[in-house]
Amino acid sequence: MSYSHLSIIERGQLETLHRLGWSCRRIGRELGRHPSTIARELSRGRKPGEAYTACTAQ
């Protein structure tokens, strides 16, 4: 199975859209990614007790 990582640009878009309150499903549609990819990225790319940031995730 092959997969690709999110680029820093996609992560920046994800950060912005998440801060605007968009759902994982809606963000996934916008970025052309599966909603579960977005959900995993949001949980993986943050420090405990902090919001998601593209720099931390990268």
PDB file of N, CA and C in Angstrom:
ATOM      1  N   MET A   1       0.844  -1.170   0.000  1.00  0.00           N
ATOM      2  CA  MET A   1       0.000   0.000   0.000  1.00  0.00           C
ATOM      3  C   MET A   1       0.891   1.235   0.000  1.00  0.00           C
ATOM      4  N   SER A   2       0.608   2.190  -0.866  1.00  0.00           N
ATOM      5  CA  SER A   2       1.390   3.415  -0.907  1.00  0.00           C
ATOM      6  C   SER A   2       0.560   4.580  -0.379  1.00  0.00           C
ATOM      7  N   TYR A   3       1.240   5.545   0.136  1.00  0.00           N
ATOM      8  CA  TYR A   3       0.561   6.726   0.638  1.00  0.00           C
ATOM      9  C   TYR A   3       1.500   7.907   0.498  1.00  0.00           C
ATOM     10  N   SER A   4       0.959   9.099   0.590  1.00  0.00           N
ATOM     11  CA  SER A   4       1.793  10.292   0.521  1.00  0.00           C
ATOM     12  C   SER A   4       1.490  11.169   1.731  1.00  0.00           C
ATOM     13  N   HIS A   5       2.510  11.861   2.175  1.00  0.00           N
ATOM     14  CA  HIS A   5       2.355  12.758   3.309  1.00  0.00           C
ATOM     15  C   HIS A   5       1.732  14.067   2.858  1.00  0.00           C
ATOM     16  N   LEU A   6       1.152  14.775   3.796  1.00  0.00           N
ATOM     17  CA  LEU A   6       0.647  16.105   3.491  1.00  0.00           C
ATOM     18  C   LEU A   6       1.826  17.053   3.336  1.00  0.00           C
ATOM     19  N   SER A   7       1.728  17.943   2.381  1.00  0.00           N
ATOM     20  CA  SER A   7       2.788  18.938   2.189  1.00  0.00           C
ATOM     21  C   SER A   7       2.619  20.039   3.231  1.00  0.00           C
ATOM     22  N   ILE A   8       3.627  20.866   3.374  1.00  0.00           N
ATOM     23  CA  ILE A   8       3.545  21.985   4.320  1.00  0.00           C
ATOM     24  C   ILE A   8       2.435  22.945   3.900  1.00  0.00           C
ATOM     25  N   ILE A   9       2.194  23.075   2.618  1.00  0.00           N
ATOM     26  CA  ILE A   9       1.107  23.942   2.132  1.00  0.00           C
ATOM     27  C   ILE A   9      -0.240  23.371   2.548  1.00  0.00           C
ATOM     28  N   GLU A  10      -0.422  22.054   2.359  1.00  0.00           N
ATOM     29  CA  GLU A  10      -1.672  21.409   2.785  1.00  0.00           C
ATOM     30  C   GLU A  10      -1.854  21.527   4.297  1.00  0.00           C
ATOM     31  N   ARG A  11      -0.761  21.385   5.038  1.00  0.00           N
ATOM     32  CA  ARG A  11      -0.853  21.497   6.496  1.00  0.00           C
ATOM     33  C   ARG A  11      -1.240  22.915   6.911  1.00  0.00           C
ATOM     34  N   GLY A  12      -0.732  23.898   6.201  1.00  0.00           N
ATOM     35  CA  GLY A  12      -1.107  25.290   6.478  1.00  0.00           C
ATOM     36  C   GLY A  12      -2.579  25.529   6.197  1.00  0.00           C
ATOM     37  N   GLN A  13      -3.064  24.976   5.096  1.00  0.00           N
ATOM     38  CA  GLN A  13      -4.489  25.087   4.770  1.00  0.00           C
ATOM     39  C   GLN A  13      -5.326  24.366   5.811  1.00  0.00           C
ATOM     40  N   LEU A  14      -4.870  23.194   6.222  1.00  0.00           N
ATOM     41  CA  LEU A  14      -5.570  22.418   7.240  1.00  0.00           C
ATOM     42  C   LEU A  14      -5.665  23.212   8.541  1.00  0.00           C
ATOM     43  N   GLU A  15      -4.562  23.818   8.945  1.00  0.00           N
ATOM     44  CA  GLU A  15      -4.553  24.616  10.167  1.00  0.00           C
ATOM     45  C   GLU A  15      -5.577  25.752  10.089  1.00  0.00           C
ATOM     46  N   THR A  16      -5.578  26.466   8.981  1.00  0.00           N
ATOM     47  CA  THR A  16      -6.498  27.588   8.803  1.00  0.00           C
ATOM     48  C   THR A  16      -7.949  27.138   8.814  1.00  0.00           C
ATOM     49  N   LEU A  17      -8.256  26.098   8.057  1.00  0.00           N
ATOM     50  CA  LEU A  17      -9.636  25.622   7.967  1.00  0.00           C
ATOM     51  C   LEU A  17     -10.116  25.046   9.297  1.00  0.00           C
ATOM     52  N   HIS A  18      -9.225  24.370  10.011  1.00  0.00           N
ATOM     53  CA  HIS A  18      -9.579  23.816  11.318  1.00  0.00           C
ATOM     54  C   HIS A  18      -9.882  24.947  12.304  1.00  0.00           C
ATOM     55  N   ARG A  19      -9.091  26.008  12.266  1.00  0.00           N
ATOM     56  CA  ARG A  19      -9.334  27.165  13.142  1.00  0.00           C
ATOM     57  C   ARG A  19     -10.658  27.851  12.813  1.00  0.00           C
ATOM     58  N   LEU A  20     -11.074  27.756  11.551  1.00  0.00           N
ATOM     59  CA  LEU A  20     -12.356  28.331  11.147  1.00  0.00           C
ATOM     60  C   LEU A  20     -13.540  27.456  11.544  1.00  0.00           C
ATOM     61  N   GLY A  21     -13.247  26.264  12.092  1.00  0.00           N
ATOM     62  CA  GLY A  21     -14.308  25.395  12.572  1.00  0.00           C
ATOM     63  C   GLY A  21     -14.837  24.401  11.553  1.00  0.00           C
ATOM     64  N   TRP A  22     -14.120  24.217  10.452  1.00  0.00           N
ATOM     65  CA  TRP A  22     -14.550  23.256   9.436  1.00  0.00           C
ATOM     66  C   TRP A  22     -14.409  21.835   9.969  1.00  0.00           C
ATOM     67  N   SER A  23     -15.289  20.949   9.533  1.00  0.00           N
ATOM     68  CA  SER A  23     -15.232  19.541   9.923  1.00  0.00           C
ATOM     69  C   SER A  23     -14.135  18.818   9.140  1.00  0.00           C
ATOM     70  N   CYS A  24     -13.738  17.653   9.642  1.00  0.00           N
ATOM     71  CA  CYS A  24     -12.738  16.832   8.941  1.00  0.00           C
ATOM     72  C   CYS A  24     -13.234  16.451   7.552  1.00  0.00           C
ATOM     73  N   ARG A  25     -14.507  16.149   7.448  1.00  0.00           N
ATOM     74  CA  ARG A  25     -15.079  15.766   6.162  1.00  0.00           C
ATOM     75  C   ARG A  25     -15.000  16.919   5.155  1.00  0.00           C
ATOM     76  N   ARG A  26     -15.337  18.112   5.610  1.00  0.00           N
ATOM     77  CA  ARG A  26     -15.319  19.269   4.721  1.00  0.00           C
ATOM     78  C   ARG A  26     -13.879  19.644   4.328  1.00  0.00           C
ATOM     79  N   ILE A  27     -12.965  19.593   5.296  1.00  0.00           N
ATOM     80  CA  ILE A  27     -11.557  19.878   5.006  1.00  0.00           C
ATOM     81  C   ILE A  27     -11.008  18.843   4.020  1.00  0.00           C
ATOM     82  N   GLY A  28     -11.350  17.572   4.237  1.00  0.00           N
ATOM     83  CA  GLY A  28     -10.906  16.518   3.336  1.00  0.00           C
ATOM     84  C   GLY A  28     -11.363  16.744   1.907  1.00  0.00           C
ATOM     85  N   ARG A  29     -12.617  17.146   1.758  1.00  0.00           N
ATOM     86  CA  ARG A  29     -13.133  17.447   0.418  1.00  0.00           C
ATOM     87  C   ARG A  29     -12.369  18.601  -0.215  1.00  0.00           C
ATOM     88  N   GLU A  30     -12.099  19.632   0.559  1.00  0.00           N
ATOM     89  CA  GLU A  30     -11.394  20.811   0.057  1.00  0.00           C
ATOM     90  C   GLU A  30      -9.956  20.472  -0.372  1.00  0.00           C
ATOM     91  N   LEU A  31      -9.287  19.619   0.412  1.00  0.00           N
ATOM     92  CA  LEU A  31      -7.889  19.282   0.124  1.00  0.00           C
ATOM     93  C   LEU A  31      -7.741  18.040  -0.763  1.00  0.00           C
ATOM     94  N   GLY A  32      -8.848  17.348  -1.036  1.00  0.00           N
ATOM     95  CA  GLY A  32      -8.775  16.141  -1.855  1.00  0.00           C
ATOM     96  C   GLY A  32      -8.183  14.966  -1.099  1.00  0.00           C
ATOM     97  N   ARG A  33      -8.432  14.920   0.205  1.00  0.00           N
ATOM     98  CA  ARG A  33      -7.933  13.854   1.072  1.00  0.00           C
ATOM     99  C   ARG A  33      -9.095  13.188   1.789  1.00  0.00           C
ATOM    100  N   HIS A  34      -8.862  11.969   2.252  1.00  0.00           N
ATOM    101  CA  HIS A  34      -9.892  11.240   2.986  1.00  0.00           C
ATOM    102  C   HIS A  34     -10.072  11.887   4.363  1.00  0.00           C
ATOM    103  N   PRO A  35     -11.307  11.958   4.864  1.00  0.00           N
ATOM    104  CA  PRO A  35     -11.546  12.568   6.177  1.00  0.00           C
ATOM    105  C   PRO A  35     -10.742  11.930   7.313  1.00  0.00           C
ATOM    106  N   SER A  36     -10.503  10.622   7.231  1.00  0.00           N
ATOM    107  CA  SER A  36      -9.722   9.975   8.294  1.00  0.00           C
ATOM    108  C   SER A  36      -8.262  10.433   8.263  1.00  0.00           C
ATOM    109  N   THR A  37      -7.747  10.775   7.086  1.00  0.00           N
ATOM    110  CA  THR A  37      -6.401  11.322   6.979  1.00  0.00           C
ATOM    111  C   THR A  37      -6.325  12.653   7.722  1.00  0.00           C
ATOM    112  N   ILE A  38      -7.354  13.457   7.542  1.00  0.00           N
ATOM    113  CA  ILE A  38      -7.417  14.762   8.206  1.00  0.00           C
ATOM    114  C   ILE A  38      -7.502  14.577   9.716  1.00  0.00           C
ATOM    115  N   ALA A  39      -8.357  13.667  10.162  1.00  0.00           N
ATOM    116  CA  ALA A  39      -8.526  13.427  11.600  1.00  0.00           C
ATOM    117  C   ALA A  39      -7.221  12.931  12.225  1.00  0.00           C
ATOM    118  N   ARG A  40      -6.534  12.017  11.550  1.00  0.00           N
ATOM    119  CA  ARG A  40      -5.259  11.510  12.069  1.00  0.00           C
ATOM    120  C   ARG A  40      -4.208  12.612  12.116  1.00  0.00           C
ATOM    121  N   GLU A  41      -4.180  13.429  11.088  1.00  0.00           N
ATOM    122  CA  GLU A  41      -3.219  14.531  11.041  1.00  0.00           C
ATOM    123  C   GLU A  41      -3.478  15.526  12.176  1.00  0.00           C
ATOM    124  N   LEU A  42      -4.732  15.813  12.451  1.00  0.00           N
ATOM    125  CA  LEU A  42      -5.060  16.749  13.524  1.00  0.00           C
ATOM    126  C   LEU A  42      -4.652  16.209  14.895  1.00  0.00           C
ATOM    127  N   SER A  43      -4.799  14.913  15.101  1.00  0.00           N
ATOM    128  CA  SER A  43      -4.418  14.349  16.393  1.00  0.00           C
ATOM    129  C   SER A  43      -2.907  14.168  16.501  1.00  0.00           C
ATOM    130  N   ARG A  44      -2.247  13.900  15.394  1.00  0.00           N
ATOM    131  CA  ARG A  44      -0.814  13.675  15.381  1.00  0.00           C
ATOM    132  C   ARG A  44      -0.025  14.982  15.451  1.00  0.00           C
ATOM    133  N   GLY A  45      -0.556  16.028  14.875  1.00  0.00           N
ATOM    134  CA  GLY A  45       0.203  17.265  14.696  1.00  0.00           C
ATOM    135  C   GLY A  45       0.025  18.297  15.776  1.00  0.00           C
ATOM    136  N   ARG A  46      -0.210  17.863  16.993  1.00  0.00           N
ATOM    137  CA  ARG A  46      -0.340  18.842  18.071  1.00  0.00           C
ATOM    138  C   ARG A  46       0.308  18.340  19.343  1.00  0.00           C
ATOM    139  N   LYS A  47       0.708  19.271  20.156  1.00  0.00           N
ATOM    140  CA  LYS A  47       1.236  18.948  21.477  1.00  0.00           C
ATOM    141  C   LYS A  47       0.042  18.832  22.424  1.00  0.00           C
ATOM    142  N   PRO A  48       0.155  18.026  23.454  1.00  0.00           N
ATOM    143  CA  PRO A  48      -0.970  17.873  24.400  1.00  0.00           C
ATOM    144  C   PRO A  48      -1.429  19.227  24.941  1.00  0.00           C
ATOM    145  N   GLY A  49      -2.730  19.448  24.866  1.00  0.00           N
ATOM    146  CA  GLY A  49      -3.320  20.674  25.392  1.00  0.00           C
ATOM    147  C   GLY A  49      -3.197  21.888  24.472  1.00  0.00           C
ATOM    148  N   GLU A  50      -2.645  21.712  23.277  1.00  0.00           N
ATOM    149  CA  GLU A  50      -2.488  22.830  22.350  1.00  0.00           C
ATOM    150  C   GLU A  50      -3.254  22.567  21.064  1.00  0.00           C
ATOM    151  N   ALA A  51      -3.454  23.615  20.298  1.00  0.00           N
ATOM    152  CA  ALA A  51      -4.139  23.494  19.012  1.00  0.00           C
ATOM    153  C   ALA A  51      -3.166  22.982  17.949  1.00  0.00           C
ATOM    154  N   TYR A  52      -3.715  22.462  16.859  1.00  0.00           N
ATOM    155  CA  TYR A  52      -2.915  21.973  15.731  1.00  0.00           C
ATOM    156  C   TYR A  52      -2.176  23.142  15.091  1.00  0.00           C
ATOM    157  N   THR A  53      -0.909  22.944  14.791  1.00  0.00           N
ATOM    158  CA  THR A  53      -0.146  23.928  14.012  1.00  0.00           C
ATOM    159  C   THR A  53       0.629  23.192  12.922  1.00  0.00           C
ATOM    160  N   ALA A  54       0.704  23.799  11.770  1.00  0.00           N
ATOM    161  CA  ALA A  54       1.399  23.195  10.634  1.00  0.00           C
ATOM    162  C   ALA A  54       2.878  23.000  10.931  1.00  0.00           C
ATOM    163  N   CYS A  55       3.495  23.947  11.636  1.00  0.00           N
ATOM    164  CA  CYS A  55       4.935  23.821  11.943  1.00  0.00           C
ATOM    165  C   CYS A  55       5.209  22.642  12.864  1.00  0.00           C
ATOM    166  N   THR A  56       4.380  22.455  13.870  1.00  0.00           N
ATOM    167  CA  THR A  56       4.556  21.312  14.772  1.00  0.00           C
ATOM    168  C   THR A  56       4.378  19.997  14.025  1.00  0.00           C
ATOM    169  N   ALA A  57       3.403  19.949  13.144  1.00  0.00           N
ATOM    170  CA  ALA A  57       3.116  18.741  12.390  1.00  0.00           C
ATOM    171  C   ALA A  57       4.224  18.418  11.390  1.00  0.00           C
ATOM    172  N   GLN A  58       4.818  19.449  10.813  1.00  0.00           N
ATOM    173  CA  GLN A  58       5.844  19.235   9.800  1.00  0.00           C
ATOM    174  C   GLN A  58       7.085  18.676  10.450  1.00  0.00           C
TER     175      GLN A  58
END
